[in-house]
PDB file of N, CA and C in Angstrom:
ATOM      1  N   MET A   1     -12.907  12.737  12.416  1.00  0.00           N
ATOM      2  CA  MET A   1     -13.442  12.117  11.220  1.00  0.00           C
ATOM      3  C   MET A   1     -14.849  11.606  11.542  1.00  0.00           C
ATOM      4  N   ASN A   2     -15.810  12.081  10.729  1.00  0.00           N
ATOM      5  CA  ASN A   2     -17.165  11.660  10.965  1.00  0.00           C
ATOM      6  C   ASN A   2     -17.402  10.266  10.340  1.00  0.00           C
ATOM      7  N   ILE A   3     -18.544   9.645  10.681  1.00  0.00           N
ATOM      8  CA  ILE A   3     -18.819   8.326  10.236  1.00  0.00           C
ATOM      9  C   ILE A   3     -18.963   8.202   8.671  1.00  0.00           C
ATOM     10  N   LYS A   4     -19.506   9.244   8.072  1.00  0.00           N
ATOM     11  CA  LYS A   4     -19.659   9.235   6.617  1.00  0.00           C
ATOM     12  C   LYS A   4     -18.286   9.228   5.902  1.00  0.00           C
ATOM     13  N   SER A   5     -17.399  10.067   6.365  1.00  0.00           N
ATOM     14  CA  SER A   5     -16.035  10.120   5.764  1.00  0.00           C
ATOM     15  C   SER A   5     -15.239   8.856   6.063  1.00  0.00           C
ATOM     16  N   TRP A   6     -15.463   8.270   7.258  1.00  0.00           N
ATOM     17  CA  TRP A   6     -14.816   7.062   7.535  1.00  0.00           C
ATOM     18  C   TRP A   6     -15.216   5.929   6.622  1.00  0.00           C
ATOM     19  N   PHE A   7     -16.546   5.781   6.384  1.00  0.00           N
ATOM     20  CA  PHE A   7     -17.039   4.782   5.475  1.00  0.00           C
ATOM     21  C   PHE A   7     -16.526   5.017   4.041  1.00  0.00           C
ATOM     22  N   THR A   8     -16.498   6.264   3.620  1.00  0.00           N
ATOM     23  CA  THR A   8     -16.025   6.609   2.314  1.00  0.00           C
ATOM     24  C   THR A   8     -14.513   6.226   2.182  1.00  0.00           C
ATOM     25  N   THR A   9     -13.744   6.618   3.144  1.00  0.00           N
ATOM     26  CA  THR A   9     -12.354   6.258   3.150  1.00  0.00           C
ATOM     27  C   THR A   9     -12.129   4.729   3.173  1.00  0.00           C
ATOM     28  N   THR A  10     -12.885   4.069   4.006  1.00  0.00           N
ATOM     29  CA  THR A  10     -12.781   2.624   4.074  1.00  0.00           C
ATOM     30  C   THR A  10     -13.168   1.975   2.769  1.00  0.00           C
ATOM     31  N   ALA A  11     -14.259   2.411   2.174  1.00  0.00           N
ATOM     32  CA  ALA A  11     -14.660   1.872   0.860  1.00  0.00           C
ATOM     33  C   ALA A  11     -13.582   2.083  -0.209  1.00  0.00           C
ATOM     34  N   LEU A  12     -12.989   3.290  -0.232  1.00  0.00           N
ATOM     35  CA  LEU A  12     -11.951   3.550  -1.194  1.00  0.00           C
ATOM     36  C   LEU A  12     -10.732   2.681  -0.929  1.00  0.00           C
ATOM     37  N   ALA A  13     -10.360   2.545   0.282  1.00  0.00           N
ATOM     38  CA  ALA A  13      -9.186   1.721   0.626  1.00  0.00           C
ATOM     39  C   ALA A  13      -9.435   0.277   0.293  1.00  0.00           C
ATOM     40  N   MET A  14     -10.617  -0.265   0.570  1.00  0.00           N
ATOM     41  CA  MET A  14     -10.939  -1.646   0.238  1.00  0.00           C
ATOM     42  C   MET A  14     -10.949  -1.865  -1.295  1.00  0.00           C
ATOM     43  N   GLY A  15     -11.493  -0.887  -1.975  1.00  0.00           N
ATOM     44  CA  GLY A  15     -11.498  -0.941  -3.441  1.00  0.00           C
ATOM     45  C   GLY A  15     -10.099  -1.016  -4.019  1.00  0.00           C
ATOM     46  N   LEU A  16      -9.202  -0.202  -3.490  1.00  0.00           N
ATOM     47  CA  LEU A  16      -7.827  -0.192  -3.913  1.00  0.00           C
ATOM     48  C   LEU A  16      -7.124  -1.501  -3.486  1.00  0.00           C
ATOM     49  N   ALA A  17      -7.425  -1.986  -2.289  1.00  0.00           N
ATOM     50  CA  ALA A  17      -6.809  -3.190  -1.814  1.00  0.00           C
ATOM     51  C   ALA A  17      -7.217  -4.409  -2.580  1.00  0.00           C
ATOM     52  N   LEU A  18      -8.461  -4.422  -3.059  1.00  0.00           N
ATOM     53  CA  LEU A  18      -8.945  -5.582  -3.786  1.00  0.00           C
ATOM     54  C   LEU A  18      -8.747  -5.516  -5.306  1.00  0.00           C
ATOM     55  N   GLY A  19      -8.362  -4.308  -5.762  1.00  0.00           N
ATOM     56  CA  GLY A  19      -8.204  -4.049  -7.208  1.00  0.00           C
ATOM     57  C   GLY A  19      -6.991  -4.774  -7.730  1.00  0.00           C
ATOM     58  N   SER A  20      -6.922  -4.759  -9.070  1.00  0.00           N
ATOM     59  CA  SER A  20      -5.768  -5.340  -9.702  1.00  0.00           C
ATOM     60  C   SER A  20      -4.534  -4.524  -9.498  1.00  0.00           C
ATOM     61  N   ASP A  21      -3.357  -5.197  -9.562  1.00  0.00           N
ATOM     62  CA  ASP A  21      -2.136  -4.537  -9.266  1.00  0.00           C
ATOM     63  C   ASP A  21      -1.303  -4.361 -10.534  1.00  0.00           C
ATOM     64  N   PHE A  22      -1.482  -3.227 -11.231  1.00  0.00           N
ATOM     65  CA  PHE A  22      -0.782  -3.020 -12.464  1.00  0.00           C
ATOM     66  C   PHE A  22       0.345  -1.991 -12.269  1.00  0.00           C
ATOM     67  N   SER A  23       0.559  -1.521 -11.059  1.00  0.00           N
ATOM     68  CA  SER A  23       1.505  -0.435 -10.769  1.00  0.00           C
ATOM     69  C   SER A  23       2.907  -0.808 -11.042  1.00  0.00           C
ATOM     70  N   ALA A  24       3.259  -2.083 -11.057  1.00  0.00           N
ATOM     71  CA  ALA A  24       4.626  -2.514 -11.295  1.00  0.00           C
ATOM     72  C   ALA A  24       5.127  -2.033 -12.663  1.00  0.00           C
ATOM     73  N   GLU A  25       4.222  -1.960 -13.633  1.00  0.00           N
ATOM     74  CA  GLU A  25       4.655  -1.454 -14.981  1.00  0.00           C
ATOM     75  C   GLU A  25       4.989   0.002 -15.005  1.00  0.00           C
ATOM     76  N   LEU A  26       4.525   0.785 -13.950  1.00  0.00           N
ATOM     77  CA  LEU A  26       4.737   2.206 -13.969  1.00  0.00           C
ATOM     78  C   LEU A  26       5.879   2.632 -13.051  1.00  0.00           C
ATOM     79  N   GLU A  27       6.554   1.734 -12.388  1.00  0.00           N
ATOM     80  CA  GLU A  27       7.563   2.060 -11.402  1.00  0.00           C
ATOM     81  C   GLU A  27       8.897   2.230 -12.119  1.00  0.00           C
ATOM     82  N   PRO A  28       9.737   3.160 -11.642  1.00  0.00           N
ATOM     83  CA  PRO A  28      11.120   3.236 -12.074  1.00  0.00           C
ATOM     84  C   PRO A  28      11.895   2.009 -11.501  1.00  0.00           C
ATOM     85  N   PRO A  29      12.978   1.638 -12.179  1.00  0.00           N
ATOM     86  CA  PRO A  29      13.708   0.502 -11.648  1.00  0.00           C
ATOM     87  C   PRO A  29      14.406   0.748 -10.322  1.00  0.00           C
ATOM     88  N   PHE A  30      14.299  -0.144  -9.373  1.00  0.00           N
ATOM     89  CA  PHE A  30      15.031  -0.039  -8.116  1.00  0.00           C
ATOM     90  C   PHE A  30      15.151  -1.472  -7.522  1.00  0.00           C
ATOM     91  N   ASP A  31      15.907  -1.646  -6.502  1.00  0.00           N
ATOM     92  CA  ASP A  31      16.113  -2.945  -5.909  1.00  0.00           C
ATOM     93  C   ASP A  31      14.752  -3.336  -5.238  1.00  0.00           C
ATOM     94  N   HIS A  32      14.123  -4.367  -5.677  1.00  0.00           N
ATOM     95  CA  HIS A  32      12.826  -4.745  -5.231  1.00  0.00           C
ATOM     96  C   HIS A  32      12.835  -5.722  -4.110  1.00  0.00           C
ATOM     97  N   SER A  33      14.007  -6.003  -3.497  1.00  0.00           N
ATOM     98  CA  SER A  33      14.066  -7.044  -2.463  1.00  0.00           C
ATOM     99  C   SER A  33      13.135  -6.733  -1.261  1.00  0.00           C
ATOM    100  N   ASP A  34      13.129  -5.510  -0.722  1.00  0.00           N
ATOM    101  CA  ASP A  34      12.273  -5.223   0.365  1.00  0.00           C
ATOM    102  C   ASP A  34      10.777  -5.235  -0.056  1.00  0.00           C
ATOM    103  N   LEU A  35      10.528  -4.730  -1.235  1.00  0.00           N
ATOM    104  CA  LEU A  35       9.161  -4.740  -1.796  1.00  0.00           C
ATOM    105  C   LEU A  35       8.673  -6.178  -1.938  1.00  0.00           C
ATOM    106  N   ASP A  36       9.527  -7.017  -2.594  1.00  0.00           N
ATOM    107  CA  ASP A  36       9.083  -8.412  -2.884  1.00  0.00           C
ATOM    108  C   ASP A  36       8.921  -9.162  -1.551  1.00  0.00           C
ATOM    109  N   ARG A  37       9.825  -8.914  -0.595  1.00  0.00           N
ATOM    110  CA  ARG A  37       9.732  -9.561   0.722  1.00  0.00           C
ATOM    111  C   ARG A  37       8.410  -9.096   1.432  1.00  0.00           C
ATOM    112  N   GLY A  38       8.187  -7.800   1.352  1.00  0.00           N
ATOM    113  CA  GLY A  38       7.002  -7.236   1.992  1.00  0.00           C
ATOM    114  C   GLY A  38       5.668  -7.819   1.429  1.00  0.00           C
ATOM    115  N   VAL A  39       5.654  -7.948   0.100  1.00  0.00           N
ATOM    116  CA  VAL A  39       4.459  -8.495  -0.529  1.00  0.00           C
ATOM    117  C   VAL A  39       4.298  -9.962  -0.148  1.00  0.00           C
ATOM    118  N   GLN A  40       5.376 -10.731  -0.119  1.00  0.00           N
ATOM    119  CA  GLN A  40       5.255 -12.127   0.244  1.00  0.00           C
ATOM    120  C   GLN A  40       4.749 -12.227   1.713  1.00  0.00           C
ATOM    121  N   LEU A  41       5.340 -11.401   2.587  1.00  0.00           N
ATOM    122  CA  LEU A  41       4.881 -11.413   4.002  1.00  0.00           C
ATOM    123  C   LEU A  41       3.442 -10.995   4.124  1.00  0.00           C
ATOM    124  N   PHE A  42       3.018 -10.015   3.347  1.00  0.00           N
ATOM    125  CA  PHE A  42       1.644  -9.587   3.368  1.00  0.00           C
ATOM    126  C   PHE A  42       0.713 -10.763   2.998  1.00  0.00           C
ATOM    127  N   HIS A  43       1.061 -11.474   1.954  1.00  0.00           N
ATOM    128  CA  HIS A  43       0.224 -12.596   1.490  1.00  0.00           C
ATOM    129  C   HIS A  43       0.257 -13.754   2.441  1.00  0.00           C
ATOM    130  N   ALA A  44       1.374 -13.853   3.212  1.00  0.00           N
ATOM    131  CA  ALA A  44       1.452 -14.917   4.241  1.00  0.00           C
ATOM    132  C   ALA A  44       0.707 -14.524   5.539  1.00  0.00           C
ATOM    133  N   GLY A  45       0.191 -13.284   5.584  1.00  0.00           N
ATOM    134  CA  GLY A  45      -0.544 -12.809   6.750  1.00  0.00           C
ATOM    135  C   GLY A  45       0.382 -12.357   7.897  1.00  0.00           C
ATOM    136  N   LYS A  46       1.648 -12.138   7.555  1.00  0.00           N
ATOM    137  CA  LYS A  46       2.585 -11.668   8.588  1.00  0.00           C
ATOM    138  C   LYS A  46       2.724 -10.101   8.460  1.00  0.00           C
ATOM    139  N   PHE A  47       1.618  -9.418   8.914  1.00  0.00           N
ATOM    140  CA  PHE A  47       1.463  -8.030   8.612  1.00  0.00           C
ATOM    141  C   PHE A  47       2.507  -7.157   9.326  1.00  0.00           C
ATOM    142  N   ALA A  48       2.852  -7.447  10.565  1.00  0.00           N
ATOM    143  CA  ALA A  48       3.840  -6.627  11.258  1.00  0.00           C
ATOM    144  C   ALA A  48       5.196  -6.666  10.518  1.00  0.00           C
ATOM    145  N   GLU A  49       5.593  -7.875  10.109  1.00  0.00           N
ATOM    146  CA  GLU A  49       6.831  -8.046   9.411  1.00  0.00           C
ATOM    147  C   GLU A  49       6.778  -7.403   8.003  1.00  0.00           C
ATOM    148  N   ALA A  50       5.639  -7.527   7.340  1.00  0.00           N
ATOM    149  CA  ALA A  50       5.413  -6.903   6.044  1.00  0.00           C
ATOM    150  C   ALA A  50       5.528  -5.390   6.149  1.00  0.00           C
ATOM    151  N   GLN A  51       4.954  -4.832   7.173  1.00  0.00           N
ATOM    152  CA  GLN A  51       5.002  -3.383   7.391  1.00  0.00           C
ATOM    153  C   GLN A  51       6.465  -2.909   7.469  1.00  0.00           C
ATOM    154  N   THR A  52       7.272  -3.617   8.188  1.00  0.00           N
ATOM    155  CA  THR A  52       8.690  -3.202   8.290  1.00  0.00           C
ATOM    156  C   THR A  52       9.379  -3.230   6.930  1.00  0.00           C
ATOM    157  N   ALA A  53       9.233  -4.320   6.184  1.00  0.00           N
ATOM    158  CA  ALA A  53       9.826  -4.422   4.875  1.00  0.00           C
ATOM    159  C   ALA A  53       9.283  -3.410   3.899  1.00  0.00           C
ATOM    160  N   LEU A  54       8.017  -3.144   3.983  1.00  0.00           N
ATOM    161  CA  LEU A  54       7.372  -2.217   3.055  1.00  0.00           C
ATOM    162  C   LEU A  54       7.737  -0.796   3.374  1.00  0.00           C
ATOM    163  N   ASN A  55       7.951  -0.468   4.665  1.00  0.00           N
ATOM    164  CA  ASN A  55       8.458   0.845   5.018  1.00  0.00           C
ATOM    165  C   ASN A  55       9.834   1.073   4.435  1.00  0.00           C
ATOM    166  N   ALA A  56      10.664   0.061   4.478  1.00  0.00           N
ATOM    167  CA  ALA A  56      12.003   0.161   3.880  1.00  0.00           C
ATOM    168  C   ALA A  56      11.893   0.362   2.376  1.00  0.00           C
ATOM    169  N   ALA A  57      10.944  -0.318   1.740  1.00  0.00           N
ATOM    170  CA  ALA A  57      10.761  -0.222   0.257  1.00  0.00           C
ATOM    171  C   ALA A  57      10.308   1.210  -0.117  1.00  0.00           C
ATOM    172  N   VAL A  58       9.395   1.770   0.683  1.00  0.00           N
ATOM    173  CA  VAL A  58       8.875   3.132   0.428  1.00  0.00           C
ATOM    174  C   VAL A  58      10.031   4.143   0.648  1.00  0.00           C
ATOM    175  N   GLU A  59      10.831   3.908   1.681  1.00  0.00           N
ATOM    176  CA  GLU A  59      11.941   4.815   1.959  1.00  0.00           C
ATOM    177  C   GLU A  59      12.968   4.748   0.839  1.00  0.00           C
ATOM    178  N   ALA A  60      13.244   3.527   0.316  1.00  0.00           N
ATOM    179  CA  ALA A  60      14.196   3.384  -0.733  1.00  0.00           C
ATOM    180  C   ALA A  60      13.714   3.957  -2.122  1.00  0.00           C
ATOM    181  N   GLU A  61      12.389   3.841  -2.342  1.00  0.00           N
ATOM    182  CA  GLU A  61      11.884   4.366  -3.591  1.00  0.00           C
ATOM    183  C   GLU A  61      10.504   5.014  -3.301  1.00  0.00           C
ATOM    184  N   PRO A  62      10.499   6.318  -2.856  1.00  0.00           N
ATOM    185  CA  PRO A  62       9.198   6.933  -2.591  1.00  0.00           C
ATOM    186  C   PRO A  62       8.255   7.075  -3.763  1.00  0.00           C
ATOM    187  N   GLY A  63       8.762   6.914  -5.029  1.00  0.00           N
ATOM    188  CA  GLY A  63       7.911   6.986  -6.166  1.00  0.00           C
ATOM    189  C   GLY A  63       7.299   5.649  -6.590  1.00  0.00           C
ATOM    190  N   SER A  64       7.455   4.662  -5.791  1.00  0.00           N
ATOM    191  CA  SER A  64       6.905   3.344  -6.138  1.00  0.00           C
ATOM    192  C   SER A  64       5.413   3.222  -5.686  1.00  0.00           C
ATOM    193  N   ALA A  65       4.523   3.280  -6.637  1.00  0.00           N
ATOM    194  CA  ALA A  65       3.148   3.162  -6.351  1.00  0.00           C
ATOM    195  C   ALA A  65       2.792   1.849  -5.685  1.00  0.00           C
ATOM    196  N   ARG A  66       3.447   0.797  -6.173  1.00  0.00           N
ATOM    197  CA  ARG A  66       3.164  -0.571  -5.680  1.00  0.00           C
ATOM    198  C   ARG A  66       3.603  -0.680  -4.164  1.00  0.00           C
ATOM    199  N   ALA A  67       4.689  -0.109  -3.847  1.00  0.00           N
ATOM    200  CA  ALA A  67       5.193  -0.125  -2.446  1.00  0.00           C
ATOM    201  C   ALA A  67       4.174   0.592  -1.509  1.00  0.00           C
ATOM    202  N   HIS A  68       3.732   1.749  -2.012  1.00  0.00           N
ATOM    203  CA  HIS A  68       2.734   2.505  -1.169  1.00  0.00           C
ATOM    204  C   HIS A  68       1.409   1.752  -1.117  1.00  0.00           C
ATOM    205  N   GLU A  69       1.057   1.089  -2.211  1.00  0.00           N
ATOM    206  CA  GLU A  69      -0.214   0.323  -2.225  1.00  0.00           C
ATOM    207  C   GLU A  69      -0.176  -0.804  -1.177  1.00  0.00           C
ATOM    208  N   TYR A  70       0.913  -1.633  -1.220  1.00  0.00           N
ATOM    209  CA  TYR A  70       1.003  -2.723  -0.300  1.00  0.00           C
ATOM    210  C   TYR A  70       1.217  -2.294   1.112  1.00  0.00           C
ATOM    211  N   LEU A  71       1.898  -1.182   1.306  1.00  0.00           N
ATOM    212  CA  LEU A  71       2.005  -0.628   2.686  1.00  0.00           C
ATOM    213  C   LEU A  71       0.631  -0.238   3.188  1.00  0.00           C
ATOM    214  N   GLY A  72      -0.158   0.435   2.298  1.00  0.00           N
ATOM    215  CA  GLY A  72      -1.542   0.807   2.675  1.00  0.00           C
ATOM    216  C   GLY A  72      -2.415  -0.391   2.951  1.00  0.00           C
ATOM    217  N   ARG A  73      -2.236  -1.444   2.169  1.00  0.00           N
ATOM    218  CA  ARG A  73      -3.032  -2.685   2.391  1.00  0.00           C
ATOM    219  C   ARG A  73      -2.649  -3.318   3.707  1.00  0.00           C
ATOM    220  N   THR A  74      -1.322  -3.256   4.004  1.00  0.00           N
ATOM    221  CA  THR A  74      -0.845  -3.800   5.322  1.00  0.00           C
ATOM    222  C   THR A  74      -1.419  -2.979   6.467  1.00  0.00           C
ATOM    223  N   TRP A  75      -1.377  -1.668   6.348  1.00  0.00           N
ATOM    224  CA  TRP A  75      -1.954  -0.834   7.389  1.00  0.00           C
ATOM    225  C   TRP A  75      -3.474  -1.209   7.607  1.00  0.00           C
ATOM    226  N   LEU A  76      -4.198  -1.436   6.480  1.00  0.00           N
ATOM    227  CA  LEU A  76      -5.567  -1.815   6.644  1.00  0.00           C
ATOM    228  C   LEU A  76      -5.680  -3.134   7.427  1.00  0.00           C
ATOM    229  N   ALA A  77      -4.865  -4.125   7.122  1.00  0.00           N
ATOM    230  CA  ALA A  77      -4.926  -5.374   7.817  1.00  0.00           C
ATOM    231  C   ALA A  77      -4.606  -5.195   9.294  1.00  0.00           C
ATOM    232  N   LEU A  78      -3.705  -4.193   9.636  1.00  0.00           N
ATOM    233  CA  LEU A  78      -3.372  -3.887  11.007  1.00  0.00           C
ATOM    234  C   LEU A  78      -4.392  -2.937  11.662  1.00  0.00           C
ATOM    235  N   ARG A  79      -5.395  -2.597  10.918  1.00  0.00           N
ATOM    236  CA  ARG A  79      -6.466  -1.698  11.405  1.00  0.00           C
ATOM    237  C   ARG A  79      -5.960  -0.325  11.775  1.00  0.00           C
ATOM    238  N   LYS A  80      -4.981   0.126  11.035  1.00  0.00           N
ATOM    239  CA  LYS A  80      -4.454   1.483  11.161  1.00  0.00           C
ATOM    240  C   LYS A  80      -4.974   2.322  10.015  1.00  0.00           C
ATOM    241  N   TYR A  81      -6.239   2.733  10.188  1.00  0.00           N
ATOM    242  CA  TYR A  81      -6.951   3.338   9.063  1.00  0.00           C
ATOM    243  C   TYR A  81      -6.403   4.685   8.534  1.00  0.00           C
ATOM    244  N   PRO A  82      -5.961   5.595   9.400  1.00  0.00           N
ATOM    245  CA  PRO A  82      -5.435   6.850   8.843  1.00  0.00           C
ATOM    246  C   PRO A  82      -4.171   6.634   8.088  1.00  0.00           C
ATOM    247  N   GLU A  83      -3.296   5.685   8.564  1.00  0.00           N
ATOM    248  CA  GLU A  83      -2.051   5.406   7.898  1.00  0.00           C
ATOM    249  C   GLU A  83      -2.346   4.713   6.538  1.00  0.00           C
ATOM    250  N   ALA A  84      -3.336   3.813   6.526  1.00  0.00           N
ATOM    251  CA  ALA A  84      -3.770   3.126   5.322  1.00  0.00           C
ATOM    252  C   ALA A  84      -4.253   4.137   4.300  1.00  0.00           C
ATOM    253  N   GLN A  85      -5.113   5.018   4.762  1.00  0.00           N
ATOM    254  CA  GLN A  85      -5.636   6.032   3.845  1.00  0.00           C
ATOM    255  C   GLN A  85      -4.510   6.881   3.194  1.00  0.00           C
ATOM    256  N   ALA A  86      -3.560   7.273   4.028  1.00  0.00           N
ATOM    257  CA  ALA A  86      -2.484   8.103   3.502  1.00  0.00           C
ATOM    258  C   ALA A  86      -1.634   7.317   2.471  1.00  0.00           C
ATOM    259  N   GLU A  87      -1.326   6.130   2.749  1.00  0.00           N
ATOM    260  CA  GLU A  87      -0.505   5.338   1.793  1.00  0.00           C
ATOM    261  C   GLU A  87      -1.244   4.982   0.503  1.00  0.00           C
ATOM    262  N   LEU A  88      -2.538   4.667   0.645  1.00  0.00           N
ATOM    263  CA  LEU A  88      -3.308   4.351  -0.540  1.00  0.00           C
ATOM    264  C   LEU A  88      -3.557   5.560  -1.401  1.00  0.00           C
ATOM    265  N   ALA A  89      -3.701   6.742  -0.752  1.00  0.00           N
ATOM    266  CA  ALA A  89      -3.801   7.975  -1.475  1.00  0.00           C
ATOM    267  C   ALA A  89      -2.536   8.307  -2.272  1.00  0.00           C
ATOM    268  N   LYS A  90      -1.341   8.067  -1.669  1.00  0.00           N
ATOM    269  CA  LYS A  90      -0.064   8.272  -2.336  1.00  0.00           C
ATOM    270  C   LYS A  90       0.027   7.315  -3.556  1.00  0.00           C
ATOM    271  N   SER A  91      -0.412   6.073  -3.346  1.00  0.00           N
ATOM    272  CA  SER A  91      -0.319   5.075  -4.443  1.00  0.00           C
ATOM    273  C   SER A  91      -1.246   5.566  -5.578  1.00  0.00           C
ATOM    274  N   ASP A  92      -2.406   6.073  -5.226  1.00  0.00           N
ATOM    275  CA  ASP A  92      -3.377   6.555  -6.268  1.00  0.00           C
ATOM    276  C   ASP A  92      -2.815   7.740  -6.977  1.00  0.00           C
ATOM    277  N   THR A  93      -2.109   8.645  -6.305  1.00  0.00           N
ATOM    278  CA  THR A  93      -1.525   9.825  -6.879  1.00  0.00           C
ATOM    279  C   THR A  93      -0.397   9.437  -7.849  1.00  0.00           C
ATOM    280  N   LEU A  94       0.405   8.419  -7.432  1.00  0.00           N
ATOM    281  CA  LEU A  94       1.515   8.008  -8.250  1.00  0.00           C
ATOM    282  C   LEU A  94       1.106   7.175  -9.485  1.00  0.00           C
ATOM    283  N   ALA A  95       0.002   6.475  -9.364  1.00  0.00           N
ATOM    284  CA  ALA A  95      -0.508   5.635 -10.484  1.00  0.00           C
ATOM    285  C   ALA A  95      -2.023   5.770 -10.553  1.00  0.00           C
ATOM    286  N   PRO A  96      -2.540   6.889 -10.998  1.00  0.00           N
ATOM    287  CA  PRO A  96      -3.952   7.133 -10.993  1.00  0.00           C
ATOM    288  C   PRO A  96      -4.788   6.206 -11.902  1.00  0.00           C
ATOM    289  N   ASP A  97      -4.104   5.600 -12.889  1.00  0.00           N
ATOM    290  CA  ASP A  97      -4.861   4.716 -13.748  1.00  0.00           C
ATOM    291  C   ASP A  97      -5.060   3.262 -13.215  1.00  0.00           C
ATOM    292  N   ASN A  98      -4.524   3.049 -12.025  1.00  0.00           N
ATOM    293  CA  ASN A  98      -4.730   1.725 -11.420  1.00  0.00           C
ATOM    294  C   ASN A  98      -6.126   1.559 -10.877  1.00  0.00           C
TER     295      ASN A  98
END
């Protein structure tokens, strides 16, 4: 990955991470316990624990844009940029109007 594409990817990821979260309205119903716990852990700054919960949420509901978004945001916080880019791209694909 060259420096220009890295900056572009990082800018996109940060824009998604800082943007509003309207994806919950677009999700099919499923048990949100792992997702809710992951989001709470993310906001508490417990990124490793959030990553575990959010991985479970994505596995339980791969069509959840919000789960992919928060997993991507968590990967960003953990400085795992390729993983963050992949999850945020999935979130964008699932909810392009976000």
